[in-house]
């Protein structure tokens, strides 16, 4: 039998008939669930001119999020968490009661030098001279100038101790690949404010230390429809792969091709009922609209000289962190809901000073400029900016230790992140570590042992961070679910606590 006739016969058998009938009933039931007054209604059911600043579940304080992800684990002890006691304990062994048999990586577990304590070589300044002032390293002079807008959390923690599971964990809520990313959840829950641009845009900034790989599952959709995935903007060639028409194909030709393809896909969907076919149609249409919108977006020639003075000359070079931050502001202006910039190279196991100095030169002015730019345009109040990595770095040295040169291993137990705008309290620090910068501590300096299962005041698990991001965007993290293989999944799994103490 001819292959096409065989395929047709398989579509007409009894099993296919019953399957299509069941699909029809299921579609009708789903339509009822997604009625406008249902708590499960999604953004696609809302008129395109409604920006959903009211939120999905409650009043939102942020319309959008810009996530500045420092891949590799920046050292909180050299940037944000001032520990003068370490100076007087240079090269002494980390006390056993501080580690308390906590897991460490194989890279330092058996090193001959043991776990020698390693103070930062950099000077720190406390801003907003009060007991809750924010300490900032001399490596971040530009960021220090906007410290009155930041909420610095010095008590973030996670369970993952190696890069790939740790990055996957903070981005998707699971150390095991296969779950939707934060941006995919936001796209699924809130949709887009601009029909000509993606819901979710990702950029990779240039770095002098690109040793780590970043996998597309970090901005992927997992088991969700693929139209919620992040779109990677490139700094060279076409901003988006395969966006341009081939030579000899005009925009009119492309429109006619898409119309014919849509008709074929709709017919196939009526036969098979596969929702990914409809997703494919939407993606084709989005790509067609992006052919007009993206080139204008990535053209920075219309920006005034004062903007480049703010972001620095590096912003004129495509792909730099500063250029990515400037593009993030432009994307935010045009209604992109979730924007993420990945900056690799923070994995400083050795030569930390040289590497972190380079990394901070890359990101410092861009971070500060983005905050100032959003604020002067009246956008910071409804734009949430998040900065951080997958974990921090150890108080003890990895490899050879001198006062001028040292390395630090991975440290998930206590690290620093910051947030700004979008309903977050400005100019405050939250949480603290012990004198060694090793464990989260209470107000008396005694170590705490928080877990993801039970929230402890003064601490922030990465599930709590994601729950708070969703909350600021008008989403109850417990109610935003997606059913897959008989289970309702959440970004925060069965955990997560909204950090009410951080809300303005």
Protein backbone atom coordinates (compact mmCIF):
# COMPACT_ATOMS: atom_id res chain seq x y z
CA UNK A 1 0.00 0.00 0.00
CA UNK A 2 1.20 3.51 -0.81
CA UNK A 3 2.62 5.28 2.30
CA UNK A 4 0.17 8.18 2.07
CA UNK A 5 -2.81 5.81 1.73
CA UNK A 6 -1.55 3.76 4.68
CA UNK A 7 -1.27 6.92 6.82
CA UNK A 8 -4.80 7.93 5.78
CA UNK A 9 -6.14 4.49 6.68
CA UNK A 10 -4.57 4.77 10.14
CA UNK A 11 -6.37 8.07 10.66
CA UNK A 12 -9.71 6.46 9.86
CA UNK A 13 -9.62 3.42 12.11
CA UNK A 14 -11.78 2.94 15.18
CA UNK A 15 -9.05 4.05 17.62
CA UNK A 16 -8.51 7.29 15.74
CA UNK A 17 -12.25 7.96 15.60
CA UNK A 18 -12.62 7.49 19.37
CA UNK A 19 -9.52 9.59 20.00
CA UNK A 20 -10.83 12.48 17.93
CA UNK A 21 -14.19 12.28 19.65
CA UNK A 22 -12.53 12.36 23.06
CA UNK A 23 -10.46 15.32 21.95
CA UNK A 24 -13.57 17.21 21.00
CA UNK A 25 -15.13 16.64 24.41
CA UNK A 26 -11.87 17.56 26.12
CA UNK A 27 -11.60 20.76 24.11
CA UNK A 28 -15.10 21.74 25.11
CA UNK A 29 -14.31 21.09 28.76
CA UNK A 30 -11.07 23.06 28.51
CA UNK A 31 -12.90 26.00 26.97
CA UNK A 32 -15.13 26.08 30.02
CA UNK A 33 -12.16 26.07 32.36
CA UNK A 34 -10.55 28.92 30.47
CA UNK A 35 -13.61 31.14 30.51
CA UNK A 36 -12.90 34.79 31.21
CA UNK A 37 -14.07 34.55 34.81
CA UNK A 38 -12.11 31.38 35.57
CA UNK A 39 -9.07 31.54 37.89
CA UNK A 40 -7.24 29.40 35.31
CA UNK A 41 -7.66 31.90 32.47
CA UNK A 42 -4.47 32.64 30.55
CA UNK A 43 -3.17 35.73 28.86
CA UNK A 44 -4.24 34.58 25.40
CA UNK A 45 -7.86 34.96 26.55
CA UNK A 46 -7.31 38.64 27.37
CA UNK A 47 -7.64 41.37 24.70
CA UNK A 48 -4.31 42.22 23.13
CA UNK A 49 -4.49 45.85 24.28
CA UNK A 50 -4.70 44.85 27.95
CA UNK A 51 -1.21 44.76 29.45
CA UNK A 52 -2.16 42.61 32.48
CA UNK A 53 -0.53 44.99 34.94
CA UNK A 54 -3.47 44.03 37.11
CA UNK A 55 -1.84 40.60 37.35
CA UNK A 56 -3.23 37.13 36.90
CA UNK A 57 -4.11 36.50 40.56
CA UNK A 58 -3.61 39.82 42.35
CA UNK A 59 -2.55 43.41 41.68
CA UNK A 60 0.93 43.43 40.18
CA UNK A 61 3.63 45.95 41.02
CA UNK A 62 5.83 44.95 38.07
CA UNK A 63 4.96 44.59 34.40
CA UNK A 64 8.23 43.01 33.39
CA UNK A 65 11.46 41.49 34.72
CA UNK A 66 15.05 41.96 33.55
CA UNK A 67 17.21 39.16 34.96
CA UNK A 68 20.99 39.73 34.95
CA UNK A 69 22.38 36.25 35.47
CA UNK A 70 26.04 35.93 36.45
CA UNK A 71 26.75 32.37 35.36
CA UNK A 72 29.45 30.56 37.33
CA UNK A 73 28.88 31.90 40.82
CA UNK A 74 30.19 35.39 41.70
CA UNK A 75 32.04 35.69 44.99
CA UNK A 76 29.80 37.38 47.53
CA UNK A 77 32.83 37.73 49.81
CA UNK A 78 34.62 39.92 47.25
CA UNK A 79 31.56 41.91 46.13
CA UNK A 80 28.77 42.24 48.71
CA UNK A 81 29.41 40.42 51.99
CA UNK A 82 32.04 42.28 54.02
CA UNK A 83 33.86 39.99 56.47
CA UNK A 84 36.65 41.82 58.33
CA UNK A 85 37.22 38.89 60.72
CA UNK A 86 38.63 36.84 57.86
CA UNK A 87 41.51 39.31 57.56
CA UNK A 88 42.84 38.42 60.99
CA UNK A 89 42.29 34.71 60.30
CA UNK A 90 44.24 34.61 57.05
CA UNK A 91 45.36 31.06 56.17
CA UNK A 92 43.86 29.53 59.33
CA UNK A 93 41.76 26.42 58.83
CA UNK A 94 37.98 26.71 58.63
CA UNK A 95 36.78 25.45 62.03
CA UNK A 96 35.01 22.09 61.94
CA UNK A 97 31.99 23.46 63.83
CA UNK A 98 31.45 26.05 61.08
CA UNK A 99 31.44 23.52 58.29
CA UNK A 100 29.51 21.05 60.49
CA UNK A 101 30.09 18.21 58.00
CA UNK A 102 28.34 20.09 55.19
CA UNK A 103 28.95 18.78 51.71
CA UNK A 104 31.78 20.35 49.71
CA UNK A 105 32.99 19.63 46.20
CA UNK A 106 35.66 17.07 45.34
CA UNK A 107 37.90 19.89 44.13
CA UNK A 108 38.69 20.98 47.70
CA UNK A 109 37.57 18.03 49.84
CA UNK A 110 41.01 16.41 49.68
CA UNK A 111 43.40 19.25 48.95
CA UNK A 112 46.64 19.04 50.94
CA UNK A 113 46.32 22.56 52.30
CA UNK A 114 42.98 21.73 53.88
CA UNK A 115 40.46 24.59 53.93
CA UNK A 116 42.51 27.75 54.64
CA UNK A 117 40.43 30.87 55.28
CA UNK A 118 40.79 33.51 52.60
CA UNK A 119 39.92 37.18 53.21
CA UNK A 120 39.03 39.43 50.31
CA UNK A 121 41.81 41.71 49.09
CA UNK A 122 39.31 44.45 48.22
CA UNK A 123 38.15 47.43 50.23
CA UNK A 124 34.48 47.72 51.14
CA UNK A 125 32.42 50.86 51.79
CA UNK A 126 29.13 50.93 53.66
CA UNK A 127 26.53 53.10 51.98
CA UNK A 128 23.57 54.77 53.72
CA UNK A 129 25.43 55.03 56.99
CA UNK A 130 23.09 53.15 59.26
CA UNK A 131 22.99 49.75 60.88
CA UNK A 132 21.26 48.30 57.84
CA UNK A 133 23.60 49.93 55.34
CA UNK A 134 24.77 48.10 52.25
CA UNK A 135 28.45 47.16 51.97
CA UNK A 136 29.82 47.30 48.42
CA UNK A 137 33.25 46.29 47.17
CA UNK A 138 35.57 48.69 45.36
CA UNK A 139 35.15 46.36 42.35
CA UNK A 140 31.65 47.81 41.80
CA UNK A 141 31.95 51.61 41.94
CA UNK A 142 29.18 52.24 39.40
CA UNK A 143 26.75 49.84 41.05
CA UNK A 144 27.54 51.51 44.38
CA UNK A 145 26.16 54.75 42.92
CA UNK A 146 22.67 53.20 42.65
CA UNK A 147 22.77 51.32 45.94
CA UNK A 148 19.85 53.42 47.20
CA UNK A 149 17.68 51.57 44.66
CA UNK A 150 18.89 48.04 45.51
CA UNK A 151 17.67 45.41 47.92
CA UNK A 152 20.72 43.24 48.56
CA UNK A 153 19.95 39.77 49.94
CA UNK A 154 23.01 38.26 51.63
CA UNK A 155 21.26 35.05 52.69
CA UNK A 156 20.30 33.29 49.46
CA UNK A 157 20.83 29.52 49.47
CA UNK A 158 20.38 26.40 47.37
CA UNK A 159 21.07 22.67 47.62
CA UNK A 160 22.88 22.28 44.30
CA UNK A 161 26.68 22.41 44.48
CA UNK A 162 27.74 21.94 40.83
CA UNK A 163 27.10 24.32 37.96
CA UNK A 164 24.75 22.50 35.62
CA UNK A 165 22.24 21.27 38.21
CA UNK A 166 22.51 24.57 40.10
CA UNK A 167 21.76 26.75 37.05
CA UNK A 168 19.01 24.37 35.94
CA UNK A 169 17.57 24.51 39.47
CA UNK A 170 17.37 28.29 39.81
CA UNK A 171 16.09 28.72 36.25
CA UNK A 172 13.50 25.93 36.17
CA UNK A 173 12.81 24.93 39.79
CA UNK A 174 14.40 21.48 39.39
CA UNK A 175 17.95 20.18 39.26
CA UNK A 176 16.79 17.60 36.70
CA UNK A 177 16.43 18.94 33.12
CA UNK A 178 13.03 18.93 31.49
CA UNK A 179 11.04 21.59 33.35
CA UNK A 180 9.87 24.95 31.93
CA UNK A 181 12.04 27.97 32.65
CA UNK A 182 11.00 31.03 34.63
CA UNK A 183 10.48 32.98 31.42
CA UNK A 184 8.32 30.21 29.97
CA UNK A 185 6.13 30.27 33.10
CA UNK A 186 5.71 34.04 32.76
CA UNK A 187 4.86 33.72 29.08
CA UNK A 188 2.34 30.97 29.87
CA UNK A 189 0.76 32.96 32.68
CA UNK A 190 0.84 36.52 31.38
CA UNK A 191 1.45 36.44 27.64
CA UNK A 192 2.92 39.42 25.79
CA UNK A 193 2.37 43.17 25.77
CA UNK A 194 3.68 43.42 22.19
CA UNK A 195 2.40 41.11 19.48
CA UNK A 196 5.37 41.90 17.21
CA UNK A 197 8.07 40.72 19.63
CA UNK A 198 8.56 37.52 21.62
CA UNK A 199 7.22 37.15 25.16
CA UNK A 200 10.69 36.18 26.35
CA UNK A 201 14.08 37.33 25.02
CA UNK A 202 17.52 36.01 26.00
CA UNK A 203 20.94 37.56 25.33
CA UNK A 204 24.44 36.17 25.94
CA UNK A 205 26.94 38.90 26.79
CA UNK A 206 30.56 38.69 25.69
CA UNK A 207 33.12 37.71 28.32
CA UNK A 208 36.84 37.09 28.56
CA UNK A 209 36.18 33.79 30.38
CA UNK A 210 33.56 31.85 28.36
CA UNK A 211 34.51 28.47 29.79
CA UNK A 212 30.98 27.44 30.76
CA UNK A 213 28.33 26.22 28.37
CA UNK A 214 24.76 27.48 28.57
CA UNK A 215 22.10 25.09 27.35
CA UNK A 216 18.84 26.21 25.75
CA UNK A 217 16.84 24.33 28.36
CA UNK A 218 17.64 27.28 30.66
CA UNK A 219 15.23 29.38 28.59
CA UNK A 220 13.22 26.48 27.18
CA UNK A 221 9.67 25.32 27.76
CA UNK A 222 10.17 21.76 28.99
CA UNK A 223 6.81 20.06 28.59
CA UNK A 224 4.92 23.28 27.80
CA UNK A 225 4.02 24.33 24.25
CA UNK A 226 7.15 25.57 22.52
CA UNK A 227 5.79 29.05 21.74
CA UNK A 228 6.62 30.00 25.35
CA UNK A 229 10.37 29.43 24.91
CA UNK A 230 12.91 32.25 25.08
CA UNK A 231 14.19 33.69 21.81
CA UNK A 232 17.98 34.06 21.73
CA UNK A 233 19.10 37.42 20.32
CA UNK A 234 22.55 37.30 18.71
CA UNK A 235 25.12 40.07 18.48
CA UNK A 236 26.47 39.08 15.05
CA UNK A 237 24.67 38.43 11.80
CA UNK A 238 20.91 38.17 11.99
CA UNK A 239 19.75 39.00 15.53
CA UNK A 240 17.63 35.84 15.34
CA UNK A 241 18.73 32.81 13.34
CA UNK A 242 16.93 32.25 10.03
CA UNK A 243 14.90 35.46 10.45
CA UNK A 244 15.90 36.97 7.10
CA UNK A 245 14.36 35.81 3.86
CA UNK A 246 16.64 33.91 1.46
CA UNK A 247 17.93 35.76 -1.59
CA UNK A 248 15.18 36.13 -4.18
CA UNK A 249 12.31 35.78 -1.69
CA UNK A 250 10.38 39.02 -1.13
CA UNK A 251 8.22 39.86 1.88
CA UNK A 252 5.14 39.35 -0.33
CA UNK A 253 6.43 35.91 -1.33
CA UNK A 254 6.99 35.03 2.33
CA UNK A 255 3.44 36.14 3.24
CA UNK A 256 1.95 33.94 0.52
CA UNK A 257 4.08 30.97 1.64
CA UNK A 258 2.96 31.37 5.26
CA UNK A 259 -0.70 31.64 4.25
CA UNK A 260 -0.43 28.40 2.29
CA UNK A 261 1.47 26.71 5.11
CA UNK A 262 -1.11 27.86 7.66
CA UNK A 263 -3.91 26.33 5.61
CA UNK A 264 -2.04 23.01 5.45
CA UNK A 265 -1.28 23.07 9.17
CA UNK A 266 -4.87 23.87 10.11
CA UNK A 267 -6.05 20.95 8.05
CA UNK A 268 -3.51 18.68 9.74
CA UNK A 269 -4.59 19.93 13.17
CA UNK A 270 -8.24 19.14 12.39
CA UNK A 271 -7.13 15.60 11.60
CA UNK A 272 -4.60 14.95 14.36
CA UNK A 273 -5.53 17.44 17.09
CA UNK A 274 -1.88 17.99 18.01
CA UNK A 275 -1.59 21.35 19.84
CA UNK A 276 2.03 21.72 18.68
CA UNK A 277 0.67 22.27 15.16
CA UNK A 278 -1.11 25.42 16.34
CA UNK A 279 2.07 26.44 18.16
CA UNK A 280 3.96 26.06 14.89
CA UNK A 281 1.47 28.42 13.17
CA UNK A 282 1.91 31.02 15.91
CA UNK A 283 5.69 30.78 15.69
CA UNK A 284 5.66 31.28 11.95
CA UNK A 285 3.48 34.37 12.34
CA UNK A 286 5.68 35.75 15.12
CA UNK A 287 8.78 35.26 12.96
CA UNK A 288 7.10 37.15 10.12
CA UNK A 289 6.27 40.10 12.38
CA UNK A 290 9.76 40.01 13.89
CA UNK A 291 11.28 40.47 10.43
CA UNK A 292 10.02 44.07 10.65
CA UNK A 293 10.32 44.74 14.39
CA UNK A 294 13.68 43.19 15.32
CA UNK A 295 16.00 45.12 12.94
CA UNK A 296 14.61 48.41 14.28
CA UNK A 297 14.97 47.16 17.85
CA UNK A 298 18.65 46.22 17.47
CA UNK A 299 19.60 49.44 15.66
CA UNK A 300 21.09 51.69 18.34
CA UNK A 301 21.86 54.59 15.99
CA UNK A 302 18.78 56.48 17.21
CA UNK A 303 20.05 56.58 20.79
CA UNK A 304 21.40 59.95 21.97
CA UNK A 305 25.00 60.55 22.99
CA UNK A 306 23.91 60.93 26.60
CA UNK A 307 22.70 57.34 26.60
CA UNK A 308 26.14 56.06 25.56
CA UNK A 309 27.74 58.33 28.14
CA UNK A 310 25.56 56.59 30.72
CA UNK A 311 26.20 53.00 29.57
CA UNK A 312 29.79 53.62 28.50
CA UNK A 313 31.54 53.30 25.15
CA UNK A 314 31.32 49.52 25.40
CA UNK A 315 27.60 49.85 24.69
CA UNK A 316 28.45 50.79 21.10
CA UNK A 317 29.93 47.31 20.58
CA UNK A 318 27.27 44.66 19.91
CA UNK A 319 27.25 41.77 22.34
CA UNK A 320 28.95 43.51 25.26
CA UNK A 321 27.15 43.40 28.59
CA UNK A 322 26.55 47.16 28.40
CA UNK A 323 25.02 46.81 24.90
CA UNK A 324 22.82 43.98 26.17
CA UNK A 325 21.63 46.16 29.06
CA UNK A 326 20.79 48.98 26.65
CA UNK A 327 18.92 46.54 24.43
CA UNK A 328 17.12 45.24 27.53
CA UNK A 329 15.79 48.72 28.23
CA UNK A 330 14.67 49.03 24.59
CA UNK A 331 12.94 45.64 24.77
CA UNK A 332 11.23 46.64 28.01
CA UNK A 333 9.99 49.86 26.40
CA UNK A 334 8.46 47.83 23.60
CA UNK A 335 6.54 45.49 25.87
CA UNK A 336 8.71 42.40 26.18
CA UNK A 337 7.66 40.79 29.45
CA UNK A 338 10.80 38.84 30.37
CA UNK A 339 14.38 39.73 29.38
CA UNK A 340 17.38 37.73 30.51
CA UNK A 341 21.07 38.51 30.06
CA UNK A 342 23.55 35.70 30.76
CA UNK A 343 27.13 36.70 31.53
CA UNK A 344 29.51 33.74 31.82
CA UNK A 345 32.91 33.44 33.46
CA UNK A 346 32.35 33.87 37.21
CA UNK A 347 33.71 30.40 38.08
CA UNK A 348 36.91 31.57 39.78
CA UNK A 349 38.56 28.45 41.23
CA UNK A 350 41.97 30.08 40.80
CA UNK A 351 43.18 33.60 39.98
CA UNK A 352 39.94 35.02 41.34
CA UNK A 353 41.19 38.63 41.58
CA UNK A 354 42.24 38.80 37.93
CA UNK A 355 39.07 37.12 36.71
CA UNK A 356 36.60 38.98 38.93
CA UNK A 357 38.24 42.33 38.14
CA UNK A 358 37.67 41.64 34.44
CA UNK A 359 34.14 40.44 35.03
CA UNK A 360 33.24 43.47 37.13
CA UNK A 361 34.62 45.81 34.46
CA UNK A 362 32.26 44.06 32.04
CA UNK A 363 29.08 44.39 34.11
CA UNK A 364 29.44 47.20 36.65
CA UNK A 365 28.62 50.24 34.53
CA UNK A 366 25.93 48.41 32.56
CA UNK A 367 24.08 47.36 35.72
CA UNK A 368 24.16 50.87 37.15
CA UNK A 369 23.23 52.47 33.83
CA UNK A 370 20.24 50.18 33.42
CA UNK A 371 18.91 51.18 36.86
CA UNK A 372 19.46 54.89 36.20
CA UNK A 373 18.02 54.70 32.68
CA UNK A 374 14.87 52.92 33.80
CA UNK A 375 14.41 55.34 36.69
CA UNK A 376 14.78 58.50 34.63
CA UNK A 377 12.24 57.15 32.13
CA UNK A 378 9.74 56.35 34.88
CA UNK A 379 10.03 52.61 34.19
CA UNK A 380 11.88 51.35 37.25
CA UNK A 381 8.77 51.41 39.39
CA UNK A 382 7.15 48.72 37.25
CA UNK A 383 10.29 46.90 36.06
CA UNK A 384 11.88 44.31 38.34
CA UNK A 385 15.65 43.96 37.90
CA UNK A 386 17.31 40.85 39.40
CA UNK A 387 21.08 40.20 39.68
CA UNK A 388 22.77 36.99 40.83
CA UNK A 389 24.26 33.61 40.02
CA UNK A 390 23.51 29.96 40.73
CA UNK A 391 25.51 29.94 43.99
CA UNK A 392 28.32 31.82 45.72
CA UNK A 393 31.93 31.03 46.57
CA UNK A 394 33.69 29.64 49.62
CA UNK A 395 35.34 31.51 52.49
CA UNK A 396 38.29 29.16 52.16
CA UNK A 397 40.79 29.06 49.34
CA UNK A 398 41.07 26.55 46.54
CA UNK A 399 44.65 26.07 45.41
CA UNK A 400 47.59 28.22 46.45
CA UNK A 401 46.75 31.09 48.79
CA UNK A 402 48.43 34.48 49.04
CA UNK A 403 46.98 37.80 50.13
CA UNK A 404 47.03 39.02 46.52
CA UNK A 405 45.95 35.89 44.70
CA UNK A 406 43.52 33.12 45.58
CA UNK A 407 40.68 30.99 44.27
CA UNK A 408 37.36 30.01 45.77
CA UNK A 409 35.25 26.88 45.34
CA UNK A 410 31.47 26.61 44.87
CA UNK A 411 29.38 27.58 47.90
CA UNK A 412 25.59 27.08 47.80
CA UNK A 413 25.04 27.53 51.53
CA UNK A 414 25.02 31.32 51.63
CA UNK A 415 25.42 33.84 48.79
CA UNK A 416 24.24 37.27 47.66
CA UNK A 417 21.71 38.47 45.12
CA UNK A 418 20.07 41.84 44.59
CA UNK A 419 16.79 43.14 43.24
CA UNK A 420 15.59 46.61 42.31
CA UNK A 421 12.36 48.29 41.20
CA UNK A 422 9.04 46.61 40.51
CA UNK A 423 7.74 46.83 44.08
CA UNK A 424 10.94 45.89 45.96
CA UNK A 425 12.12 47.92 48.97
CA UNK A 426 15.00 50.16 47.87
CA UNK A 427 18.23 50.82 49.72
CA UNK A 428 18.15 47.92 52.16
CA UNK A 429 20.11 44.76 52.87
CA UNK A 430 18.40 41.59 54.04
CA UNK A 431 19.79 38.61 55.89
CA UNK A 432 23.36 38.03 56.94
CA UNK A 433 26.07 35.42 57.14
CA UNK A 434 28.26 34.41 60.07
CA UNK A 435 31.70 35.92 60.72
CA UNK A 436 33.23 33.45 58.26
CA UNK A 437 30.79 34.19 55.46
CA UNK A 438 30.00 30.49 55.44
CA UNK A 439 26.55 30.00 57.01
CA UNK A 440 23.45 32.15 57.13
CA UNK A 441 23.22 33.66 60.62
CA UNK A 442 20.57 35.26 62.83
CA UNK A 443 20.79 38.73 64.35
CA UNK A 444 23.06 37.42 67.13
CA UNK A 445 25.47 35.91 64.61
CA UNK A 446 24.51 32.32 65.40
CA UNK A 447 24.36 30.03 62.34
CA UNK A 448 20.99 29.03 60.91
CA UNK A 449 20.22 25.79 59.07
CA UNK A 450 17.35 26.77 56.76
CA UNK A 451 15.69 24.29 54.41
CA UNK A 452 13.49 24.69 51.37
CA UNK A 453 10.67 22.85 53.19
CA UNK A 454 10.27 25.40 56.01
CA UNK A 455 10.98 29.08 55.57
CA UNK A 456 13.24 30.69 58.17
CA UNK A 457 13.07 34.49 58.65
CA UNK A 458 16.17 36.21 57.31
CA UNK A 459 16.81 33.58 54.63
CA UNK A 460 15.88 33.22 50.96
CA UNK A 461 15.89 29.88 49.16
CA UNK A 462 15.94 30.07 45.36
CA UNK A 463 12.31 28.85 45.38
CA UNK A 464 11.52 31.88 47.57
CA UNK A 465 13.26 34.12 45.02
CA UNK A 466 11.16 32.72 42.17
CA UNK A 467 7.96 32.88 44.24
CA UNK A 468 8.67 36.55 44.94
CA UNK A 469 9.38 37.34 41.28
CA UNK A 470 6.06 35.79 40.30
CA UNK A 471 4.26 37.61 43.13
CA UNK A 472 5.53 41.01 41.99
CA UNK A 473 4.22 40.25 38.50
CA UNK A 474 0.76 39.47 39.89
CA UNK A 475 1.05 35.68 40.06
CA UNK A 476 0.46 33.38 43.01
CA UNK A 477 3.19 30.78 42.55
CA UNK A 478 0.95 28.14 44.15
CA UNK A 479 -1.82 28.67 41.60
CA UNK A 480 0.21 28.91 38.40
CA UNK A 481 0.28 25.24 37.39
CA UNK A 482 0.62 23.14 34.27
CA UNK A 483 -0.70 19.59 34.12
CA UNK A 484 1.66 17.07 32.59
CA UNK A 485 1.45 13.27 32.78
CA UNK A 486 -1.22 13.45 35.45
CA UNK A 487 0.53 15.90 37.77
CA UNK A 488 0.13 19.65 38.28
CA UNK A 489 3.62 21.17 38.06
CA UNK A 490 4.77 24.53 39.47
CA UNK A 491 7.92 26.59 39.01
CA UNK A 492 8.48 26.35 42.77
CA UNK A 493 7.56 22.65 42.92
CA UNK A 494 5.80 22.19 46.31
CA UNK A 495 7.92 24.83 48.05
CA UNK A 496 8.46 28.58 47.92
CA UNK A 497 7.66 31.52 50.18
CA UNK A 498 6.95 35.09 49.04
CA UNK A 499 9.50 37.37 50.71
CA UNK A 500 7.05 39.84 52.21
CA UNK A 501 9.86 41.62 54.11
CA UNK A 502 11.34 42.70 50.76
CA UNK A 503 8.17 44.21 49.32
CA UNK A 504 7.84 47.99 49.25
